[in-house]
Protein backbone atom coordinates (compact mmCIF):
# COMPACT_ATOMS: atom_id res chain seq x y z
CA MET A 1 172.63 5.67 25.64
CA ASN A 2 171.82 8.59 23.21
CA LEU A 3 172.38 7.19 19.70
CA GLN A 4 172.60 10.85 18.27
CA LEU A 5 176.26 10.87 19.49
CA PHE A 6 177.18 8.29 16.81
CA LYS A 7 175.76 10.19 13.97
CA PRO A 8 179.08 10.89 11.47
CA SER A 9 179.78 13.88 9.70
CA PHE A 10 180.01 14.29 5.75
CA THR A 11 180.37 16.79 3.22
CA THR A 12 177.22 18.18 1.93
CA LYS A 13 177.68 16.71 -1.53
CA SER A 14 178.78 13.03 -0.31
CA LYS A 15 175.94 13.38 2.41
CA SER A 16 173.42 13.79 -0.31
CA TRP A 17 174.72 10.96 -2.37
CA LEU A 18 174.91 8.35 0.64
CA TYR A 19 171.39 9.28 1.37
CA PHE A 20 170.08 8.83 -1.88
CA ILE A 21 171.99 5.50 -2.34
CA SER A 22 170.67 4.40 0.85
CA LEU A 23 166.97 5.06 0.04
CA ALA A 24 167.36 3.58 -3.24
CA SER A 25 168.99 0.51 -1.72
CA LEU A 26 166.08 0.00 0.60
CA ILE A 27 163.58 0.06 -2.25
CA ALA A 28 165.61 -2.63 -4.11
CA LEU A 29 165.75 -4.51 -0.92
CA SER A 30 161.99 -4.45 -0.46
CA PHE A 31 161.64 -5.94 -4.02
CA SER A 32 163.85 -8.70 -2.93
CA SER A 33 160.85 -10.03 -1.00
CA TYR A 34 159.63 -11.45 -4.21
CA PHE A 35 162.62 -13.61 -4.57
CA LEU A 36 162.25 -14.79 -0.93
CA ALA A 37 158.48 -15.38 -1.49
CA ASN A 38 159.35 -17.68 -4.61
CA THR A 39 162.31 -19.56 -2.78
CA SER A 40 159.52 -20.35 0.20
CA GLN A 41 157.44 -22.03 -2.57
CA SER A 42 160.14 -23.58 -4.17
CA ASN A 43 159.79 -27.68 -4.79
CA THR A 44 163.32 -28.20 -3.76
CA GLU A 45 164.30 -28.64 -0.44
CA PHE A 46 167.59 -26.49 -0.41
CA PRO A 47 166.36 -23.25 -1.29
CA VAL A 48 163.22 -23.59 1.10
CA SER A 49 165.66 -24.73 3.80
CA SER A 50 167.72 -21.42 3.45
CA ILE A 51 164.83 -19.21 3.50
CA GLY A 52 165.48 -18.26 7.09
CA VAL A 53 169.25 -17.37 6.39
CA TYR A 54 168.20 -15.28 3.39
CA THR A 55 165.23 -13.66 5.44
CA ILE A 56 168.10 -12.43 8.23
CA ILE A 57 170.12 -11.29 5.56
CA GLN A 58 167.29 -9.15 4.14
CA TYR A 59 166.49 -7.79 7.45
CA CYS A 60 170.20 -6.84 8.49
CA LEU A 61 170.67 -5.11 5.02
CA MET A 62 167.61 -3.08 5.45
CA ALA A 63 168.43 -2.26 9.07
CA PHE A 64 171.98 -1.21 7.88
CA PHE A 65 170.65 1.25 5.25
CA MET A 66 168.06 2.53 7.47
CA LEU A 67 170.44 3.57 10.17
CA VAL A 68 172.87 5.36 7.37
CA ALA A 69 169.62 7.08 6.09
CA TRP A 70 168.79 8.30 9.57
CA SER A 71 172.34 9.52 10.58
CA LEU A 72 171.90 11.54 7.13
CA SER A 73 168.29 12.63 7.62
CA PRO A 74 167.68 16.48 7.30
CA LYS A 75 167.75 18.56 10.54
CA SER A 76 164.47 20.07 10.04
CA ARG A 77 161.42 20.96 12.22
CA TYR A 78 159.26 20.95 8.80
CA LEU A 79 157.67 17.92 7.30
CA LYS A 80 158.04 19.24 3.58
CA ASN A 81 161.91 18.84 3.99
CA TYR A 82 161.54 15.17 4.22
CA LYS A 83 159.70 14.39 1.06
CA LEU A 84 162.05 12.14 -0.38
CA LEU A 85 162.33 10.32 2.96
CA LEU A 86 158.32 9.92 2.90
CA ILE A 87 158.36 9.01 -0.83
CA THR A 88 160.67 5.96 -0.25
CA ALA A 89 158.76 4.79 2.76
CA PHE A 90 155.64 4.80 0.56
CA LEU A 91 157.16 2.97 -2.19
CA MET A 92 158.77 0.33 -0.02
CA ARG A 93 155.33 -0.26 1.10
CA ILE A 94 153.50 -0.30 -2.08
CA VAL A 95 155.79 -2.68 -3.70
CA LEU A 96 154.96 -5.31 -1.35
CA ILE A 97 151.29 -5.39 -2.18
CA ASP A 98 151.74 -8.74 -4.08
CA VAL A 99 154.35 -10.47 -2.15
CA GLU A 100 152.99 -13.84 -0.82
CA PRO A 101 153.60 -14.07 2.99
CA TYR A 102 156.72 -16.27 3.89
CA THR A 103 157.41 -15.37 7.46
CA SER A 104 154.37 -16.87 8.72
CA ASN A 105 150.97 -18.44 7.74
CA ASP A 106 149.14 -16.22 10.23
CA THR A 107 147.06 -14.65 7.33
CA SER A 108 145.59 -17.92 6.47
CA ARG A 109 144.56 -18.12 10.26
CA TYR A 110 143.00 -14.61 10.42
CA LEU A 111 141.08 -14.96 7.13
CA PHE A 112 139.58 -18.37 7.92
CA ASP A 113 138.66 -17.12 11.27
CA GLY A 114 136.91 -14.24 9.83
CA ARG A 115 135.24 -16.54 7.35
CA ILE A 116 134.03 -18.63 10.27
CA ALA A 117 132.25 -15.69 11.50
CA TYR A 118 130.90 -14.64 8.32
CA GLU A 119 128.91 -17.84 7.89
CA GLY A 120 127.37 -17.49 11.31
CA TYR A 121 129.69 -19.54 13.49
CA ASP A 122 131.35 -18.16 16.91
CA PRO A 123 135.11 -18.56 16.06
CA TYR A 124 135.62 -18.39 19.78
CA SER A 125 133.66 -21.36 20.28
CA ILE A 126 134.46 -23.54 17.22
CA SER A 127 137.96 -24.75 16.25
CA HIS A 128 139.04 -25.15 12.58
CA ASP A 129 138.69 -29.09 12.63
CA ALA A 130 135.18 -28.99 13.42
CA ILE A 131 133.08 -31.23 11.24
CA GLU A 132 130.58 -28.54 10.14
CA LEU A 133 133.48 -26.46 8.87
CA THR A 134 134.76 -29.45 6.53
CA GLN A 135 133.50 -27.65 3.19
CA LEU A 136 135.05 -24.03 4.16
CA ARG A 137 138.15 -25.75 5.37
CA GLU A 138 138.75 -27.55 1.96
CA GLN A 139 138.02 -24.23 0.36
CA TRP A 140 140.12 -21.91 2.39
CA GLN A 141 143.02 -24.36 3.46
CA PRO A 142 143.82 -22.82 6.93
CA PRO A 143 147.05 -23.72 8.60
CA LYS A 144 147.03 -27.42 9.99
CA GLU A 145 148.74 -26.69 13.17
CA HIS A 146 146.01 -24.34 14.25
CA ALA A 147 143.32 -26.93 13.24
CA ALA A 148 142.41 -27.83 17.07
CA TYR A 149 142.42 -24.07 18.43
CA VAL A 150 139.68 -21.55 18.49
CA THR A 151 140.60 -18.04 17.68
CA ILE A 152 142.82 -16.03 20.38
CA TYR A 153 142.23 -12.37 18.61
CA PRO A 154 140.07 -9.74 20.26
CA PRO A 155 136.70 -8.52 18.56
CA LEU A 156 137.84 -5.47 16.38
CA ALA A 157 140.81 -7.75 14.98
CA LEU A 158 137.94 -10.46 14.24
CA ALA A 159 135.60 -7.79 12.56
CA LEU A 160 138.68 -6.77 10.08
CA PHE A 161 139.19 -10.50 9.44
CA THR A 162 135.37 -11.06 8.73
CA PHE A 163 135.31 -7.89 6.58
CA SER A 164 138.14 -9.03 4.41
CA SER A 165 136.98 -12.73 4.16
CA SER A 166 133.74 -11.30 3.01
CA PHE A 167 135.14 -10.65 -0.33
CA GLY A 168 135.66 -14.47 -1.03
CA VAL A 169 138.62 -16.72 -0.85
CA GLU A 170 140.21 -15.25 -4.07
CA LYS A 171 140.14 -11.50 -2.94
CA ALA A 172 140.23 -11.74 0.70
CA GLN A 173 143.99 -11.55 1.12
CA LEU A 174 143.99 -8.77 -1.27
CA VAL A 175 141.76 -6.64 0.77
CA TRP A 176 143.75 -7.56 3.99
CA ARG A 177 146.63 -6.15 2.24
CA PHE A 178 145.15 -2.99 1.33
CA LEU A 179 143.98 -2.56 4.84
CA LEU A 180 147.40 -3.25 6.34
CA LEU A 181 148.91 -0.88 3.82
CA LEU A 182 146.61 1.98 4.90
CA ALA A 183 147.38 1.39 8.53
CA GLY A 184 151.20 1.26 7.72
CA LEU A 185 151.01 4.62 5.79
CA LEU A 186 148.78 6.02 8.55
CA THR A 187 151.37 4.78 10.94
CA VAL A 188 154.08 6.85 9.18
CA TYR A 189 151.95 9.98 8.87
CA VAL A 190 150.75 10.12 12.70
CA SER A 191 154.36 9.23 13.64
CA ALA A 192 155.54 12.34 11.66
CA LEU A 193 152.94 14.62 13.37
CA VAL A 194 153.96 13.04 16.88
CA LEU A 195 157.73 13.43 16.34
CA LYS A 196 157.24 16.85 14.79
CA LYS A 197 155.40 17.96 18.10
CA ALA A 198 158.21 16.43 20.11
CA ASN A 199 160.81 18.31 18.28
CA LYS A 200 162.24 15.04 16.94
CA LEU A 201 161.24 14.96 13.35
CA ASN A 202 164.86 13.94 12.26
CA ASN A 203 164.25 10.51 13.60
CA LEU A 204 161.34 9.77 11.37
CA ALA A 205 163.32 7.50 9.36
CA LEU A 206 163.23 4.88 12.27
CA VAL A 207 159.62 4.58 11.83
CA ALA A 208 159.19 5.44 7.98
CA LEU A 209 162.33 3.00 6.95
CA SER A 210 162.01 0.45 9.58
CA PRO A 211 162.56 -3.08 8.14
CA LEU A 212 160.52 -4.55 10.61
CA LEU A 213 157.46 -2.33 10.34
CA ILE A 214 157.71 -2.51 6.60
CA LEU A 215 158.08 -6.33 6.20
CA GLU A 216 155.80 -7.58 9.31
CA THR A 217 152.99 -5.53 7.66
CA GLY A 218 153.79 -5.94 3.97
CA VAL A 219 155.19 -9.59 3.91
CA GLY A 220 154.16 -10.97 7.17
CA LEU A 221 150.72 -9.38 7.07
CA HIS A 222 150.20 -9.20 10.82
CA ILE A 223 147.26 -7.61 12.82
CA ASP A 224 150.26 -6.06 14.89
CA ALA A 225 150.48 -3.26 12.33
CA PHE A 226 147.13 -1.94 13.56
CA SER A 227 148.58 -2.16 17.21
CA ALA A 228 151.07 0.01 16.24
CA LEU A 229 148.88 2.60 14.62
CA ALA A 230 146.79 2.47 17.77
CA VAL A 231 149.75 3.28 20.21
CA VAL A 232 151.19 6.05 17.92
CA VAL A 233 147.50 7.66 17.60
CA ALA A 234 147.15 7.22 21.39
CA ILE A 235 150.42 9.23 21.85
CA TYR A 236 149.26 11.74 19.57
CA PHE A 237 146.19 12.52 21.57
CA TRP A 238 148.13 12.42 24.72
CA GLN A 239 150.68 15.06 23.40
CA ARG A 240 147.80 17.27 22.95
CA GLN A 241 146.01 16.62 26.24
CA LEU A 242 142.96 14.98 24.67
CA LEU A 243 142.81 12.34 27.06
CA LEU A 244 139.46 11.24 26.32
CA TYR A 245 140.39 10.44 22.71
CA CYS A 246 143.60 8.94 24.04
CA GLY A 247 141.69 6.57 26.15
CA ILE A 248 139.26 5.61 23.39
CA ALA A 249 142.42 4.99 21.15
CA ILE A 250 144.02 2.78 23.99
CA GLY A 251 140.55 0.67 24.15
CA ILE A 252 140.58 0.42 20.29
CA GLY A 253 144.06 -0.99 20.09
CA MET A 254 143.28 -3.33 23.10
CA SER A 255 140.29 -4.65 21.09
CA LEU A 256 142.76 -5.13 18.20
CA LYS A 257 145.54 -6.97 20.31
CA ILE A 258 146.08 -6.48 23.93
CA LEU A 259 149.44 -4.93 24.08
CA PRO A 260 148.41 -1.39 23.81
CA VAL A 261 146.66 -1.35 27.12
CA MET A 262 150.11 -1.13 28.61
CA LEU A 263 150.32 2.45 27.86
CA LEU A 264 147.77 3.22 30.39
CA LEU A 265 150.24 2.42 32.99
CA PRO A 266 152.57 5.30 32.66
CA LEU A 267 149.90 7.72 31.12
CA PHE A 268 147.90 7.25 34.32
CA PHE A 269 150.53 8.13 36.79
CA LEU A 270 151.94 10.91 34.51
CA GLN A 271 149.00 12.97 35.09
CA LYS A 272 149.20 15.84 37.59
CA SER A 273 146.01 15.29 39.11
CA LEU A 274 143.34 12.61 39.60
CA LYS A 275 140.52 14.29 37.10
CA PRO A 276 142.60 13.83 33.81
CA ALA A 277 143.69 10.44 35.03
CA LEU A 278 140.20 9.43 35.77
CA MET A 279 139.08 10.65 32.58
CA LEU A 280 141.77 8.69 30.59
CA VAL A 281 140.62 5.30 32.63
CA LEU A 282 137.03 5.95 32.17
CA SER A 283 137.11 6.64 28.34
CA TRP A 284 139.22 3.40 27.95
CA VAL A 285 136.88 1.44 29.98
CA THR A 286 133.94 2.66 28.22
CA THR A 287 135.44 1.96 24.84
CA VAL A 288 136.25 -1.52 25.77
CA ALA A 289 132.84 -2.17 27.49
CA LEU A 290 131.14 -1.08 24.26
CA ILE A 291 133.13 -3.23 21.96
CA TYR A 292 132.96 -6.56 24.33
CA GLY A 293 129.45 -5.71 25.03
CA THR A 294 128.40 -5.41 21.54
CA THR A 295 130.48 -8.63 20.71
CA ILE A 296 128.70 -10.56 23.40
CA ALA A 297 125.11 -9.03 22.33
CA LEU A 298 125.69 -10.36 18.70
CA GLY A 299 126.06 -14.05 20.33
CA TYR A 300 130.07 -14.21 20.45
CA VAL A 301 131.85 -15.50 23.51
CA PRO A 302 135.22 -13.60 23.31
CA VAL A 303 137.50 -15.68 25.37
CA GLY A 304 139.38 -17.90 22.70
CA SER A 305 142.20 -20.15 23.32
CA ILE A 306 144.82 -17.81 24.52
CA SER A 307 145.93 -20.13 27.37
CA VAL A 308 146.25 -22.95 24.81
CA PHE A 309 148.51 -20.65 22.67
CA PHE A 310 150.97 -20.19 25.37
CA GLU A 311 150.97 -23.97 26.50
CA LYS A 312 151.92 -25.04 22.96
CA TRP A 313 154.37 -22.35 21.49
CA ARG A 314 157.47 -21.46 22.77
CA ASN A 315 159.99 -18.74 20.97
CA ALA A 316 162.53 -16.28 21.56
CA SER A 317 161.91 -16.01 25.45
CA PRO A 318 165.11 -16.01 27.50
CA ILE A 319 163.76 -15.28 30.68
CA PHE A 320 160.91 -17.96 30.39
CA THR A 321 163.49 -20.32 28.95
CA ALA A 322 166.11 -19.84 32.08
CA LEU A 323 163.04 -19.95 34.51
CA ASP A 324 161.73 -23.18 32.99
CA SER A 325 165.24 -25.19 33.17
CA LEU A 326 165.49 -24.40 36.90
CA LEU A 327 161.79 -24.04 38.17
CA THR A 328 158.58 -25.97 38.19
CA ASN A 329 155.63 -24.70 36.07
CA SER A 330 153.84 -23.21 39.21
CA GLN A 331 157.30 -21.80 40.38
CA VAL A 332 157.67 -20.34 36.92
CA VAL A 333 154.39 -18.62 36.89
CA LEU A 334 155.13 -17.40 40.42
CA ALA A 335 158.47 -15.94 39.47
CA LEU A 336 157.10 -14.24 36.33
CA PHE A 337 154.13 -12.67 38.45
CA VAL A 338 156.66 -11.32 41.01
CA MET A 339 158.87 -10.06 38.19
CA GLY A 340 156.07 -8.48 36.41
CA VAL A 341 154.90 -6.94 39.82
CA ILE A 342 158.08 -5.50 40.71
CA ALA A 343 158.38 -4.04 37.15
CA VAL A 344 154.85 -2.40 37.07
CA LEU A 345 155.63 -0.83 40.36
CA PHE A 346 158.90 0.70 39.19
CA ILE A 347 157.33 2.12 35.98
CA ALA A 348 154.28 3.39 38.08
CA TYR A 349 156.75 5.07 40.69
CA THR A 350 159.15 6.47 38.23
CA SER A 351 155.91 7.80 36.23
CA PHE A 352 154.60 9.32 39.40
CA ARG A 353 157.66 10.81 40.73
CA TYR A 354 157.95 12.68 37.48
CA SER A 355 154.52 13.86 37.35
CA LYS A 356 155.13 15.56 40.87
CA ALA A 357 158.55 17.01 40.01
CA ARG A 358 158.99 20.75 39.07
CA TYR A 359 161.32 19.70 36.23
CA MET A 360 159.97 16.67 33.87
CA SER A 361 162.08 15.54 31.10
CA THR A 362 160.22 13.97 28.18
CA SER A 363 162.98 11.47 27.80
CA VAL A 364 161.77 9.88 30.91
CA ILE A 365 158.23 10.00 29.83
CA TYR A 366 159.18 8.01 26.84
CA PHE A 367 161.28 5.80 28.83
CA CYS A 368 158.32 4.97 30.82
CA MET A 369 156.23 4.15 27.98
CA GLN A 370 158.82 1.97 26.22
CA ALA A 371 159.36 0.16 29.46
CA ALA A 372 155.55 -0.67 29.76
CA LEU A 373 155.04 -1.80 26.40
CA ALA A 374 158.30 -4.02 26.59
CA LEU A 375 157.27 -5.57 29.90
CA PRO A 376 154.83 -8.28 28.79
CA LEU A 377 156.85 -9.00 26.07
CA MET A 378 159.79 -9.97 27.85
CA LEU A 379 157.88 -11.83 30.13
CA SER A 380 155.87 -13.73 27.70
CA PRO A 381 156.95 -17.66 26.77
CA VAL A 382 156.23 -16.40 23.15
CA LEU A 383 157.77 -13.63 21.25
CA PHE A 384 157.84 -13.16 17.66
CA PRO A 385 159.32 -10.22 15.75
CA TRP A 386 156.01 -8.59 14.69
CA TYR A 387 154.89 -8.48 18.32
CA LEU A 388 157.65 -5.47 18.63
CA LEU A 389 155.90 -3.17 15.96
CA PRO A 390 154.36 -1.05 18.53
CA LEU A 391 157.61 -0.32 19.96
CA VAL A 392 158.97 1.27 16.71
CA PRO A 393 157.29 4.70 17.13
CA LEU A 394 158.62 4.85 20.54
CA LEU A 395 161.98 3.92 19.62
CA ALA A 396 161.93 7.18 17.28
CA LEU A 397 160.77 9.34 20.29
CA ARG A 398 163.54 8.34 22.36
CA PRO A 399 166.49 6.41 20.50
CA ASN A 400 168.57 4.16 22.50
CA ILE A 401 170.89 1.40 21.75
CA TYR A 402 168.80 -1.19 23.72
CA LEU A 403 165.52 -1.03 22.04
CA LEU A 404 167.09 -0.58 18.86
CA THR A 405 169.32 -3.62 19.37
CA TRP A 406 166.25 -5.60 20.38
CA LEU A 407 164.44 -4.41 17.30
CA LEU A 408 167.27 -5.71 15.26
CA LEU A 409 168.15 -8.90 16.97
CA MET A 410 164.31 -10.34 17.00
CA PRO A 411 164.66 -11.01 12.93
CA MET A 412 167.50 -13.47 13.85
CA THR A 413 164.79 -15.53 15.14
CA TYR A 414 163.53 -16.37 11.74
CA GLU A 415 166.54 -19.11 11.36
CA VAL A 416 163.63 -21.51 12.41
CA LEU A 417 161.64 -20.72 9.15
CA GLY A 418 163.75 -23.13 6.97
CA ASN A 419 162.91 -26.41 8.85
CA PHE A 420 159.33 -25.19 9.30
CA LEU A 421 158.65 -24.52 5.57
CA CYS A 422 160.29 -27.35 4.16
CA CYS A 423 159.70 -30.01 7.03
CA GLN A 424 156.97 -28.71 9.25
CA GLN A 425 159.27 -28.88 12.44
CA TRP A 426 159.17 -25.74 14.71
CA GLN A 427 162.81 -26.34 16.42
CA PRO A 428 163.97 -22.94 17.26
CA ALA A 429 167.78 -22.47 17.93
CA LEU A 430 169.24 -21.50 21.18
CA TRP A 431 171.82 -18.85 19.82
CA PRO A 432 169.24 -16.12 19.09
CA VAL A 433 167.63 -16.91 22.66
CA VAL A 434 171.17 -16.27 24.15
CA LEU A 435 171.95 -13.12 22.15
CA LEU A 436 168.54 -11.87 23.49
CA GLY A 437 169.11 -12.96 26.86
CA VAL A 438 172.39 -11.04 27.12
CA LEU A 439 170.54 -7.91 25.77
CA TYR A 440 167.75 -8.34 28.42
CA ALA A 441 170.34 -8.47 31.11
CA LEU A 442 171.93 -5.27 29.91
CA THR A 443 168.67 -3.59 29.20
CA LEU A 444 167.21 -4.46 32.45
CA LEU A 445 170.26 -3.18 34.39
CA ARG A 446 170.42 -0.01 32.26
CA LEU A 447 166.47 0.57 32.96
CA ILE A 448 167.02 0.10 36.82
CA TYR A 449 170.04 2.39 36.77
CA HIS A 450 168.19 4.98 34.68
CA GLY A 451 165.34 5.25 37.22
CA ILE A 452 167.51 5.61 40.27
CA LYS A 453 169.86 8.17 38.92
CA LYS A 454 166.81 10.20 37.52
CA THR A 455 164.93 9.70 40.88
CA SER A 456 167.96 10.83 42.83
CA LYS A 457 168.12 13.97 40.68
CA LEU A 458 164.66 14.90 41.25
CA ASN A 459 164.87 14.50 44.96
CA HIS A 460 168.10 16.76 44.62
CA ILE A 461 165.94 19.31 42.90
CA ASP A 462 162.90 18.88 45.34
CA ASN A 463 165.09 19.28 48.06
CA SER A 464 166.77 22.30 46.93
C-alpha cells in the first residue's frame, strides 16, 4: 500500500507553519527524555512503575509529528532544500548526548564486555561472575541478570566496546555516546544520498526524524545503530554497482551484528549474471574471514552465548509464542526452520525473476530487501524495538503501511519497563504480542499476494 496517497494538501502558508511546528515539537519531545531518565531513577515506586507508559507516549507523539513533517516535506530532488529538516535531525540527536539510558541496561553490558577484553581476558570465554573479575565488577557495576553469560556480540562490536571502555569507567559511556552520535548522523547523511539516487528524497523525514532511530541511538545506546549504518552504506554501494565495496560493507555489518548479512539474499539473486554475484559474495566472505581470523589470532574464541540468550529471553514474538503453546520444543524449531526456508525461497525466487525480466521495478527490489531483513526478526523468539533499526532506511526507500506500523507498534512493548525497573520483574504483557501477531498475519498475506501479483505480471510481459 502506497502511503503517498494519504498525504494531505495545505495552502503554502499553513503548510509552512505546520511543518515548523512539527519540527519544533520533535525537538521538544527529544528533550523530554531527560524527564523520563530522571523518572527511571526515582526513589518512589509510582514514577518508576509508570516509565513504560511515559515512554510509549513519547514514541507515539514523536511518530505523529514525524508523519506530519513527512507529509509536508519539500518535493525536491535537491538536498539543499531539506536544510531545516536536517538541522532538526541533528538537534534531536545532539540534545540526547547527556541522557542516561532508561529503555535498557545494555550499555553497561557492552562496556563491561569491552573492559574485560581491554584487561586481557576473553569475553567469549569468561562470564561476568568469574572470580577474577571481582574487582572490575565492583568498579563497573554490570547488569546482574547478565552475570552468568559470556558475551554474544560479534568481533567488531566488541572492538568498539573495548575502545570506549579504554577511557575508564567515568568516560567510557560518553565516548560510546559520541560513537553512536556519529553513526546516527552518518546514517542520515548516507540515507539522504541513497534516497536522492532513488528519486525518493521527499521520504528523508522517515529516517531523519524516526523516533525509533533517534531514541534507540541516543537513549538506548544500542549497537544496532551501527547495524543500520552498515545496511544503508551497503545499499549506497549497490546503487552505484560497486559490488566489491557492497560486500565489504555487509561483512563489516555482520561483524557488528548479524542482521545485515540478510541483504546478501536479495542482492545475490538480483544480479543479472554470475560474475557480479560472485564478486559480491567473495568480498563478503573475505571481509568476514579477515575479521574473524584476526579475532581468533588474537586469542579470542568468537562464539559466545547466543544460544543461551535465546533460551533465557522471550519478548514480542507472536509466531514463536503461538508455536510454543501448541508444539514441543523440537517441533517449534522444525516449524520455524520450515517457515524460514519457505520465506527464503520466496524472496530468492522473486529477486531472481525480476533480475531476468525485461522490466524491473525498483519497488520490488526494495520489497525483497525489506522482506529479507524482516524474516529473522519475525521468526526470532526475542525481539526488542532496537532490532528494527536497520529497517528504517528501507522504509524510506519503499514506504508501506505494514512496515511503518511494525516500527510504530514495537515501542508498545516498553510497557514492561515499569515492573523491570522498579521490581526487576521481566513479565511482558500479552496485548502488544497480539497486536504484532495481527500485523504479522496481514503483512505475510500482503507479501505473498504482492509476490504472486508481480510474478504474474512478469510472466505476462515475458510471454508477450
